[in-house]
N, C-alpha and C. Protein backbone atom coordinates (compact mmCIF):
# COMPACT_ATOMS: atom_id res chain seq x y z
N MET A 1 65.36 7.91 9.91
CA MET A 1 65.56 9.34 9.75
C MET A 1 66.34 9.60 8.46
N LYS A 2 65.79 10.42 7.60
CA LYS A 2 66.48 10.80 6.36
C LYS A 2 67.68 11.68 6.71
N LYS A 3 68.72 11.58 5.91
CA LYS A 3 69.96 12.28 6.18
C LYS A 3 70.32 13.23 5.05
N ILE A 4 71.03 14.29 5.42
CA ILE A 4 71.54 15.27 4.47
C ILE A 4 73.03 15.38 4.72
N ILE A 5 73.82 15.10 3.70
CA ILE A 5 75.28 15.17 3.80
C ILE A 5 75.78 16.20 2.80
N ALA A 6 76.51 17.20 3.28
CA ALA A 6 77.17 18.16 2.39
C ALA A 6 78.62 17.74 2.27
N VAL A 7 79.10 17.66 1.04
CA VAL A 7 80.49 17.30 0.78
C VAL A 7 81.25 18.60 0.51
N VAL A 8 82.26 18.87 1.34
CA VAL A 8 83.02 20.12 1.23
C VAL A 8 84.50 19.81 1.06
N GLY A 9 85.23 20.82 0.64
CA GLY A 9 86.67 20.71 0.46
C GLY A 9 87.12 21.75 -0.53
N MET A 10 88.40 21.89 -0.68
CA MET A 10 88.96 22.88 -1.59
C MET A 10 88.94 22.33 -3.02
N PRO A 11 89.10 23.22 -4.02
CA PRO A 11 89.09 22.78 -5.42
C PRO A 11 90.12 21.69 -5.68
N GLY A 12 89.69 20.63 -6.36
CA GLY A 12 90.60 19.54 -6.71
C GLY A 12 90.75 18.48 -5.65
N SER A 13 90.01 18.61 -4.55
CA SER A 13 90.16 17.64 -3.46
C SER A 13 89.47 16.31 -3.77
N GLY A 14 88.46 16.33 -4.65
CA GLY A 14 87.73 15.11 -4.98
C GLY A 14 86.27 15.15 -4.56
N LYS A 15 85.75 16.34 -4.31
CA LYS A 15 84.36 16.48 -3.86
C LYS A 15 83.37 15.89 -4.86
N SER A 16 83.52 16.25 -6.12
CA SER A 16 82.57 15.77 -7.13
C SER A 16 82.61 14.25 -7.26
N GLU A 17 83.79 13.68 -7.17
CA GLU A 17 83.91 12.22 -7.23
C GLU A 17 83.23 11.59 -6.02
N ALA A 18 83.39 12.20 -4.85
CA ALA A 18 82.73 11.67 -3.64
C ALA A 18 81.22 11.75 -3.78
N VAL A 19 80.72 12.86 -4.32
CA VAL A 19 79.28 13.01 -4.52
C VAL A 19 78.75 11.92 -5.44
N LYS A 20 79.49 11.60 -6.50
CA LYS A 20 79.07 10.53 -7.42
C LYS A 20 78.94 9.20 -6.68
N ILE A 21 79.84 8.95 -5.76
CA ILE A 21 79.80 7.69 -4.99
C ILE A 21 78.55 7.67 -4.10
N PHE A 22 78.22 8.80 -3.48
CA PHE A 22 76.99 8.88 -2.70
C PHE A 22 75.78 8.59 -3.60
N GLU A 23 75.78 9.17 -4.80
CA GLU A 23 74.67 8.93 -5.73
C GLU A 23 74.56 7.45 -6.09
N GLU A 24 75.70 6.81 -6.33
CA GLU A 24 75.70 5.38 -6.64
C GLU A 24 75.10 4.56 -5.51
N GLN A 25 75.21 5.08 -4.29
CA GLN A 25 74.68 4.40 -3.11
C GLN A 25 73.24 4.83 -2.79
N GLY A 26 72.61 5.55 -3.71
CA GLY A 26 71.19 5.88 -3.56
C GLY A 26 70.86 7.26 -3.03
N PHE A 27 71.86 8.06 -2.68
CA PHE A 27 71.59 9.42 -2.23
C PHE A 27 71.12 10.27 -3.41
N LYS A 28 70.22 11.20 -3.14
CA LYS A 28 69.72 12.13 -4.14
C LYS A 28 70.59 13.39 -4.09
N ARG A 29 71.10 13.81 -5.24
CA ARG A 29 72.04 14.92 -5.31
C ARG A 29 71.33 16.25 -5.50
N ILE A 30 71.80 17.24 -4.75
CA ILE A 30 71.39 18.63 -5.00
C ILE A 30 72.66 19.44 -5.19
N TYR A 31 72.64 20.28 -6.20
CA TYR A 31 73.80 21.08 -6.57
C TYR A 31 73.49 22.53 -6.26
N PHE A 32 74.25 23.13 -5.33
CA PHE A 32 73.99 24.50 -4.91
C PHE A 32 74.28 25.52 -6.01
N GLY A 33 74.94 25.13 -7.08
CA GLY A 33 75.16 26.05 -8.19
C GLY A 33 73.98 26.14 -9.14
N GLU A 34 73.00 25.25 -8.97
CA GLU A 34 71.85 25.22 -9.88
C GLU A 34 71.08 26.54 -9.96
N PRO A 35 70.83 27.23 -8.83
CA PRO A 35 70.12 28.51 -8.94
C PRO A 35 70.85 29.53 -9.82
N VAL A 36 72.17 29.46 -9.86
CA VAL A 36 72.95 30.37 -10.70
C VAL A 36 72.64 30.09 -12.17
N PHE A 37 72.66 28.81 -12.55
CA PHE A 37 72.39 28.45 -13.94
C PHE A 37 70.94 28.77 -14.32
N GLU A 38 70.03 28.56 -13.39
CA GLU A 38 68.63 28.90 -13.64
C GLU A 38 68.47 30.39 -13.93
N ARG A 39 69.16 31.21 -13.15
CA ARG A 39 69.07 32.66 -13.35
C ARG A 39 69.74 33.08 -14.65
N MET A 40 70.84 32.43 -15.00
CA MET A 40 71.51 32.75 -16.26
C MET A 40 70.58 32.47 -17.44
N LYS A 41 69.89 31.32 -17.39
CA LYS A 41 68.95 30.98 -18.45
C LYS A 41 67.81 32.00 -18.51
N LYS A 42 67.28 32.34 -17.34
CA LYS A 42 66.17 33.29 -17.24
C LYS A 42 66.56 34.64 -17.84
N GLU A 43 67.80 35.04 -17.63
CA GLU A 43 68.28 36.33 -18.13
C GLU A 43 68.84 36.23 -19.55
N GLY A 44 68.81 35.01 -20.12
CA GLY A 44 69.27 34.83 -21.49
C GLY A 44 70.77 34.95 -21.66
N LEU A 45 71.51 34.66 -20.63
CA LEU A 45 72.96 34.77 -20.69
C LEU A 45 73.60 33.45 -21.14
N GLU A 46 74.65 33.57 -21.90
CA GLU A 46 75.43 32.41 -22.32
C GLU A 46 76.05 31.77 -21.09
N ILE A 47 76.06 30.44 -21.08
CA ILE A 47 76.67 29.71 -19.98
C ILE A 47 78.19 29.71 -20.19
N ASN A 48 78.88 30.52 -19.40
CA ASN A 48 80.33 30.52 -19.40
C ASN A 48 80.81 30.97 -18.03
N GLU A 49 82.10 30.82 -17.79
CA GLU A 49 82.65 31.07 -16.45
C GLU A 49 82.46 32.53 -16.02
N ASN A 50 82.64 33.48 -16.94
CA ASN A 50 82.49 34.89 -16.58
C ASN A 50 81.06 35.23 -16.19
N ASN A 51 80.08 34.77 -16.98
CA ASN A 51 78.68 35.04 -16.65
C ASN A 51 78.28 34.33 -15.36
N GLU A 52 78.77 33.12 -15.19
CA GLU A 52 78.46 32.36 -13.99
C GLU A 52 78.97 33.10 -12.75
N LYS A 53 80.20 33.58 -12.81
CA LYS A 53 80.78 34.32 -11.69
C LYS A 53 79.98 35.60 -11.42
N MET A 54 79.65 36.32 -12.47
CA MET A 54 78.90 37.57 -12.32
C MET A 54 77.55 37.33 -11.64
N ILE A 55 76.81 36.34 -12.12
CA ILE A 55 75.49 36.05 -11.57
C ILE A 55 75.61 35.55 -10.13
N ARG A 56 76.55 34.66 -9.88
CA ARG A 56 76.76 34.13 -8.53
C ARG A 56 77.06 35.27 -7.55
N GLU A 57 77.94 36.19 -7.95
CA GLU A 57 78.28 37.31 -7.08
C GLU A 57 77.09 38.24 -6.88
N ASN A 58 76.33 38.49 -7.95
CA ASN A 58 75.12 39.32 -7.84
C ASN A 58 74.12 38.70 -6.88
N MET A 59 73.92 37.39 -7.00
CA MET A 59 72.97 36.70 -6.13
C MET A 59 73.40 36.78 -4.68
N ARG A 60 74.69 36.65 -4.42
CA ARG A 60 75.19 36.72 -3.04
C ARG A 60 75.10 38.15 -2.51
N GLU A 61 75.30 39.12 -3.40
CA GLU A 61 75.16 40.52 -2.98
C GLU A 61 73.70 40.82 -2.62
N GLU A 62 72.78 40.29 -3.40
CA GLU A 62 71.35 40.53 -3.18
C GLU A 62 70.80 39.73 -1.99
N GLY A 63 71.21 38.47 -1.87
CA GLY A 63 70.59 37.59 -0.88
C GLY A 63 71.50 37.14 0.24
N GLY A 64 72.74 37.62 0.27
CA GLY A 64 73.68 37.23 1.30
C GLY A 64 74.43 35.96 0.95
N MET A 65 75.41 35.64 1.76
CA MET A 65 76.27 34.48 1.49
C MET A 65 75.54 33.15 1.66
N GLY A 66 74.38 33.16 2.28
CA GLY A 66 73.61 31.92 2.44
C GLY A 66 72.54 31.73 1.39
N VAL A 67 72.55 32.54 0.35
CA VAL A 67 71.47 32.54 -0.63
C VAL A 67 71.27 31.19 -1.33
N MET A 68 72.35 30.49 -1.63
CA MET A 68 72.20 29.21 -2.33
C MET A 68 71.49 28.19 -1.46
N ALA A 69 71.77 28.20 -0.17
CA ALA A 69 71.06 27.30 0.76
C ALA A 69 69.59 27.69 0.83
N LYS A 70 69.32 28.98 0.97
CA LYS A 70 67.93 29.45 1.05
C LYS A 70 67.14 29.02 -0.19
N LEU A 71 67.76 29.20 -1.36
CA LEU A 71 67.08 28.88 -2.61
C LEU A 71 66.96 27.37 -2.85
N SER A 72 67.71 26.58 -2.12
CA SER A 72 67.72 25.13 -2.33
C SER A 72 66.87 24.36 -1.33
N ILE A 73 66.38 25.00 -0.30
CA ILE A 73 65.64 24.29 0.75
C ILE A 73 64.42 23.57 0.21
N SER A 74 63.66 24.19 -0.68
CA SER A 74 62.47 23.50 -1.20
C SER A 74 62.85 22.25 -1.98
N LYS A 75 63.97 22.29 -2.70
CA LYS A 75 64.43 21.10 -3.43
C LYS A 75 64.93 20.03 -2.46
N ILE A 76 65.60 20.46 -1.41
CA ILE A 76 66.05 19.50 -0.39
C ILE A 76 64.83 18.82 0.21
N GLU A 77 63.82 19.59 0.55
CA GLU A 77 62.59 19.04 1.13
C GLU A 77 61.96 18.00 0.20
N SER A 78 61.89 18.32 -1.08
CA SER A 78 61.31 17.38 -2.06
C SER A 78 62.13 16.10 -2.15
N LEU A 79 63.44 16.24 -2.18
CA LEU A 79 64.30 15.07 -2.29
C LEU A 79 64.26 14.21 -1.03
N LEU A 80 64.13 14.84 0.13
CA LEU A 80 64.05 14.08 1.38
C LEU A 80 62.83 13.16 1.43
N LYS A 81 61.81 13.50 0.66
CA LYS A 81 60.60 12.65 0.62
C LYS A 81 60.89 11.31 -0.03
N VAL A 82 61.94 11.26 -0.86
CA VAL A 82 62.24 10.01 -1.57
C VAL A 82 63.55 9.36 -1.13
N GLY A 83 64.33 10.04 -0.29
CA GLY A 83 65.57 9.42 0.15
C GLY A 83 66.50 10.37 0.85
N ASP A 84 67.71 9.89 1.08
CA ASP A 84 68.75 10.70 1.68
C ASP A 84 69.31 11.65 0.63
N VAL A 85 69.90 12.75 1.08
CA VAL A 85 70.35 13.80 0.17
C VAL A 85 71.84 14.06 0.36
N VAL A 86 72.53 14.25 -0.76
CA VAL A 86 73.93 14.69 -0.74
C VAL A 86 73.98 16.05 -1.44
N ILE A 87 74.67 16.99 -0.81
CA ILE A 87 74.78 18.35 -1.35
C ILE A 87 76.17 18.56 -1.91
N GLU A 88 76.18 19.04 -3.15
CA GLU A 88 77.43 19.41 -3.81
C GLU A 88 77.51 20.93 -3.89
N SER A 89 78.67 21.47 -3.63
CA SER A 89 78.97 22.89 -3.77
C SER A 89 78.39 23.77 -2.67
N MET A 90 78.35 23.27 -1.45
CA MET A 90 78.07 24.15 -0.31
C MET A 90 79.42 24.73 0.08
N TYR A 91 79.50 26.05 0.09
CA TYR A 91 80.79 26.68 0.37
C TYR A 91 80.83 27.48 1.66
N SER A 92 79.84 28.29 1.90
CA SER A 92 79.98 29.32 2.93
C SER A 92 79.52 28.89 4.32
N TRP A 93 80.06 29.59 5.30
CA TRP A 93 79.67 29.42 6.69
C TRP A 93 78.18 29.73 6.84
N GLU A 94 77.71 30.74 6.13
CA GLU A 94 76.30 31.12 6.20
C GLU A 94 75.38 30.01 5.69
N GLU A 95 75.79 29.34 4.60
CA GLU A 95 75.01 28.21 4.09
C GLU A 95 74.97 27.09 5.13
N TYR A 96 76.12 26.83 5.73
CA TYR A 96 76.19 25.80 6.77
C TYR A 96 75.22 26.11 7.91
N LYS A 97 75.26 27.33 8.41
CA LYS A 97 74.42 27.71 9.55
C LYS A 97 72.94 27.60 9.21
N ILE A 98 72.54 27.98 8.01
CA ILE A 98 71.13 27.86 7.60
C ILE A 98 70.69 26.41 7.64
N LEU A 99 71.50 25.52 7.07
CA LEU A 99 71.14 24.10 7.01
C LEU A 99 71.19 23.45 8.40
N LYS A 100 72.17 23.82 9.19
CA LYS A 100 72.29 23.24 10.53
C LYS A 100 71.10 23.67 11.40
N GLU A 101 70.71 24.92 11.28
CA GLU A 101 69.56 25.40 12.05
C GLU A 101 68.27 24.71 11.61
N LYS A 102 68.11 24.52 10.32
CA LYS A 102 66.88 23.91 9.79
C LYS A 102 66.82 22.42 10.06
N TYR A 103 67.93 21.71 9.89
CA TYR A 103 67.91 20.25 9.91
C TYR A 103 68.58 19.61 11.13
N GLY A 104 69.30 20.36 11.91
CA GLY A 104 69.91 19.83 13.13
C GLY A 104 70.77 18.61 12.87
N ASP A 105 70.53 17.54 13.63
CA ASP A 105 71.35 16.33 13.53
C ASP A 105 71.15 15.54 12.24
N LYS A 106 70.12 15.86 11.47
CA LYS A 106 69.95 15.20 10.17
C LYS A 106 71.00 15.68 9.16
N PHE A 107 71.60 16.82 9.44
CA PHE A 107 72.56 17.45 8.54
C PHE A 107 73.99 17.20 9.02
N LYS A 108 74.81 16.63 8.15
CA LYS A 108 76.21 16.35 8.45
C LYS A 108 77.09 16.84 7.31
N VAL A 109 78.36 17.05 7.64
CA VAL A 109 79.33 17.53 6.65
C VAL A 109 80.48 16.54 6.53
N LEU A 110 80.83 16.22 5.29
CA LEU A 110 81.98 15.38 4.98
C LEU A 110 83.03 16.24 4.29
N LEU A 111 84.20 16.34 4.89
CA LEU A 111 85.31 17.06 4.30
C LEU A 111 86.17 16.09 3.50
N ILE A 112 86.43 16.44 2.25
CA ILE A 112 87.40 15.72 1.43
C ILE A 112 88.66 16.59 1.41
N TYR A 113 89.73 16.09 1.99
CA TYR A 113 90.97 16.86 2.08
C TYR A 113 92.02 16.26 1.18
N ALA A 114 92.73 17.13 0.48
CA ALA A 114 93.94 16.76 -0.26
C ALA A 114 94.90 17.95 -0.15
N SER A 115 96.17 17.67 -0.11
CA SER A 115 97.16 18.74 0.03
C SER A 115 97.12 19.67 -1.18
N PRO A 116 97.57 20.90 -1.00
CA PRO A 116 97.60 21.81 -2.15
C PRO A 116 98.37 21.25 -3.34
N SER A 117 99.51 20.62 -3.12
CA SER A 117 100.28 20.11 -4.27
C SER A 117 99.50 19.03 -5.02
N THR A 118 98.82 18.16 -4.29
CA THR A 118 98.00 17.12 -4.95
C THR A 118 96.85 17.76 -5.71
N ARG A 119 96.18 18.71 -5.08
CA ARG A 119 95.03 19.35 -5.72
C ARG A 119 95.45 20.14 -6.95
N TYR A 120 96.56 20.87 -6.86
CA TYR A 120 97.00 21.68 -7.99
C TYR A 120 97.39 20.80 -9.18
N THR A 121 97.98 19.64 -8.88
CA THR A 121 98.30 18.70 -9.95
C THR A 121 97.01 18.21 -10.61
N ARG A 122 96.03 17.84 -9.81
CA ARG A 122 94.74 17.39 -10.36
C ARG A 122 94.08 18.48 -11.19
N LEU A 123 94.07 19.70 -10.66
CA LEU A 123 93.42 20.80 -11.38
C LEU A 123 94.13 21.10 -12.70
N GLY A 124 95.42 20.89 -12.75
CA GLY A 124 96.17 21.10 -13.99
C GLY A 124 95.90 20.04 -15.04
N LYS A 125 95.41 18.87 -14.61
CA LYS A 125 95.14 17.76 -15.54
C LYS A 125 93.67 17.69 -15.97
N ARG A 126 92.83 18.54 -15.42
CA ARG A 126 91.41 18.51 -15.79
C ARG A 126 91.23 18.80 -17.28
N GLU A 127 90.30 18.09 -17.89
CA GLU A 127 90.00 18.35 -19.30
C GLU A 127 89.27 19.66 -19.45
N GLU A 128 88.33 19.93 -18.54
CA GLU A 128 87.60 21.20 -18.56
C GLU A 128 88.09 22.06 -17.40
N ARG A 129 88.25 23.32 -17.65
CA ARG A 129 88.64 24.29 -16.63
C ARG A 129 89.95 23.92 -15.93
N SER A 130 90.94 23.49 -16.69
CA SER A 130 92.23 23.19 -16.05
C SER A 130 92.88 24.50 -15.61
N LEU A 131 93.66 24.41 -14.54
CA LEU A 131 94.29 25.59 -13.96
C LEU A 131 95.78 25.34 -13.75
N THR A 132 96.56 26.40 -13.87
CA THR A 132 97.97 26.32 -13.50
C THR A 132 98.06 26.31 -11.98
N SER A 133 99.23 26.00 -11.45
CA SER A 133 99.41 26.03 -9.99
C SER A 133 99.14 27.42 -9.43
N GLU A 134 99.57 28.45 -10.16
CA GLU A 134 99.35 29.82 -9.71
C GLU A 134 97.86 30.15 -9.69
N GLU A 135 97.14 29.75 -10.73
CA GLU A 135 95.68 29.97 -10.77
C GLU A 135 94.98 29.19 -9.67
N SER A 136 95.45 27.99 -9.42
CA SER A 136 94.86 27.16 -8.36
C SER A 136 95.04 27.81 -7.00
N GLU A 137 96.24 28.30 -6.73
CA GLU A 137 96.49 28.96 -5.45
C GLU A 137 95.64 30.22 -5.31
N LYS A 138 95.54 30.97 -6.37
CA LYS A 138 94.72 32.20 -6.36
C LYS A 138 93.25 31.86 -6.07
N ARG A 139 92.78 30.77 -6.66
CA ARG A 139 91.40 30.32 -6.43
C ARG A 139 91.20 29.90 -4.98
N ASP A 140 92.17 29.19 -4.42
CA ASP A 140 92.11 28.81 -3.00
C ASP A 140 91.96 30.05 -2.12
N TYR A 141 92.83 31.02 -2.33
CA TYR A 141 92.80 32.23 -1.51
C TYR A 141 91.46 32.94 -1.65
N ALA A 142 90.95 33.02 -2.88
CA ALA A 142 89.66 33.69 -3.10
C ALA A 142 88.54 32.97 -2.37
N GLN A 143 88.55 31.64 -2.41
CA GLN A 143 87.49 30.89 -1.71
C GLN A 143 87.58 31.09 -0.21
N ILE A 144 88.78 31.07 0.33
CA ILE A 144 88.94 31.23 1.77
C ILE A 144 88.56 32.65 2.20
N GLU A 145 89.02 33.64 1.44
CA GLU A 145 88.81 35.03 1.83
C GLU A 145 87.42 35.56 1.51
N HIS A 146 86.81 35.09 0.43
CA HIS A 146 85.55 35.69 -0.03
C HIS A 146 84.33 34.79 0.11
N LEU A 147 84.53 33.49 0.23
CA LEU A 147 83.38 32.58 0.31
C LEU A 147 83.18 31.98 1.69
N ASN A 148 84.04 32.34 2.62
CA ASN A 148 83.88 31.85 4.00
C ASN A 148 83.87 30.32 4.06
N THR A 149 84.75 29.68 3.29
CA THR A 149 84.77 28.21 3.23
C THR A 149 85.35 27.56 4.47
N GLY A 150 86.08 28.32 5.27
CA GLY A 150 86.72 27.74 6.43
C GLY A 150 85.75 27.17 7.45
N GLY A 151 84.60 27.83 7.62
CA GLY A 151 83.63 27.38 8.62
C GLY A 151 83.13 25.96 8.39
N PRO A 152 82.55 25.68 7.22
CA PRO A 152 82.07 24.31 6.97
C PRO A 152 83.19 23.27 7.04
N ILE A 153 84.38 23.64 6.61
CA ILE A 153 85.51 22.73 6.68
C ILE A 153 85.85 22.44 8.15
N ALA A 154 85.88 23.49 8.97
CA ALA A 154 86.21 23.32 10.39
C ALA A 154 85.15 22.52 11.14
N MET A 155 83.90 22.58 10.69
CA MET A 155 82.80 21.92 11.39
C MET A 155 82.48 20.53 10.83
N ALA A 156 83.33 20.02 9.94
CA ALA A 156 83.06 18.72 9.32
C ALA A 156 82.89 17.62 10.37
N ASP A 157 81.88 16.80 10.15
CA ASP A 157 81.62 15.65 11.02
C ASP A 157 82.50 14.47 10.66
N PHE A 158 82.91 14.41 9.39
CA PHE A 158 83.75 13.32 8.89
C PHE A 158 84.82 13.94 8.00
N THR A 159 86.00 13.31 7.96
CA THR A 159 87.09 13.77 7.09
C THR A 159 87.69 12.58 6.37
N ILE A 160 87.90 12.76 5.08
CA ILE A 160 88.61 11.77 4.27
C ILE A 160 89.83 12.46 3.69
N VAL A 161 90.99 11.86 3.87
CA VAL A 161 92.20 12.34 3.23
C VAL A 161 92.29 11.64 1.88
N ASN A 162 92.28 12.43 0.82
CA ASN A 162 92.24 11.90 -0.54
C ASN A 162 93.52 12.24 -1.28
N GLU A 163 94.56 11.50 -0.98
CA GLU A 163 95.85 11.69 -1.64
C GLU A 163 96.15 10.56 -2.63
N GLY A 164 95.27 9.58 -2.71
CA GLY A 164 95.55 8.41 -3.53
C GLY A 164 94.67 8.30 -4.76
N SER A 165 94.32 7.05 -5.06
CA SER A 165 93.58 6.74 -6.28
C SER A 165 92.08 6.93 -6.08
N LEU A 166 91.37 6.92 -7.18
CA LEU A 166 89.91 7.00 -7.16
C LEU A 166 89.32 5.79 -6.44
N GLU A 167 89.94 4.64 -6.62
CA GLU A 167 89.48 3.43 -5.94
C GLU A 167 89.60 3.57 -4.43
N GLU A 168 90.70 4.16 -3.98
CA GLU A 168 90.89 4.38 -2.54
C GLU A 168 89.85 5.36 -2.00
N LEU A 169 89.56 6.41 -2.78
CA LEU A 169 88.53 7.36 -2.37
C LEU A 169 87.19 6.66 -2.26
N LYS A 170 86.87 5.84 -3.25
CA LYS A 170 85.59 5.14 -3.23
C LYS A 170 85.46 4.27 -1.98
N GLU A 171 86.51 3.57 -1.64
CA GLU A 171 86.50 2.71 -0.45
C GLU A 171 86.26 3.54 0.82
N LYS A 172 86.92 4.68 0.92
CA LYS A 172 86.78 5.54 2.09
C LYS A 172 85.37 6.14 2.17
N VAL A 173 84.84 6.59 1.04
CA VAL A 173 83.50 7.16 1.04
C VAL A 173 82.47 6.10 1.40
N GLU A 174 82.62 4.91 0.86
CA GLU A 174 81.68 3.83 1.19
C GLU A 174 81.70 3.50 2.68
N LYS A 175 82.86 3.59 3.32
CA LYS A 175 82.94 3.37 4.77
C LYS A 175 82.13 4.44 5.52
N ILE A 176 82.24 5.67 5.07
CA ILE A 176 81.48 6.76 5.69
C ILE A 176 79.98 6.53 5.48
N ILE A 177 79.60 6.14 4.28
CA ILE A 177 78.18 5.88 3.99
C ILE A 177 77.66 4.76 4.89
N ASN A 178 78.45 3.71 5.05
CA ASN A 178 78.04 2.61 5.94
C ASN A 178 77.86 3.10 7.37
N LYS A 179 78.77 3.95 7.82
CA LYS A 179 78.66 4.50 9.17
C LYS A 179 77.40 5.37 9.29
N ILE A 180 77.14 6.18 8.29
CA ILE A 180 75.94 7.03 8.29
C ILE A 180 74.69 6.18 8.30
N ASN A 181 74.67 5.17 7.45
CA ASN A 181 73.47 4.31 7.34
C ASN A 181 73.23 3.46 8.59
N SER A 182 74.30 3.18 9.33
CA SER A 182 74.13 2.38 10.54
C SER A 182 73.74 3.25 11.74
N ARG A 183 73.59 4.55 11.48
CA ARG A 183 73.18 5.53 12.51
C ARG A 183 74.23 5.70 13.59
N ARG A 184 75.47 5.35 13.32
CA ARG A 184 76.54 5.57 14.29
C ARG A 184 77.12 6.95 14.19
N TYR A 185 76.54 7.80 13.36
CA TYR A 185 77.08 9.12 13.14
C TYR A 185 76.47 10.16 14.07
N ILE A 186 75.44 9.82 14.79
CA ILE A 186 74.75 10.80 15.65
C ILE A 186 75.46 10.92 16.98
């Protein structure tokens, strides 16, 4: 049975790093932000944070909070033909419900958790899009209040606490992948 794993967590928790580890282990990646970039290109907009936010909000206003999942299902279907799938940037409860209804037990969620202080330190050290602690906290509140991120986090099938090194994260993610591949996750 092919599997679909969505990696969730708050900004700076290590989601993108975890997704890379899944890819290294043969999972096919789908990025829920891709429809936003596709629309920006179609509309001839410069790729920047302000335009990205504007388009993302417009798309959610037009298609609801589950729009990214709806727009990604055909790509998920294509990728499932060649392997297991890992989803990056699934945020909302509505996206979760769409995927859970469509895929049932084939769909699982992995939460990457790190404390706010750890995450804010990481976000402040990023080369691209670095944030101050105040900006990081503001972003957290916005995601919780406006993106309905609590639902997918609460429904996670697996949780990794990521307070340490990248090597430690890799070891933990590989353990989850082994568990998933051995079918002990159902």
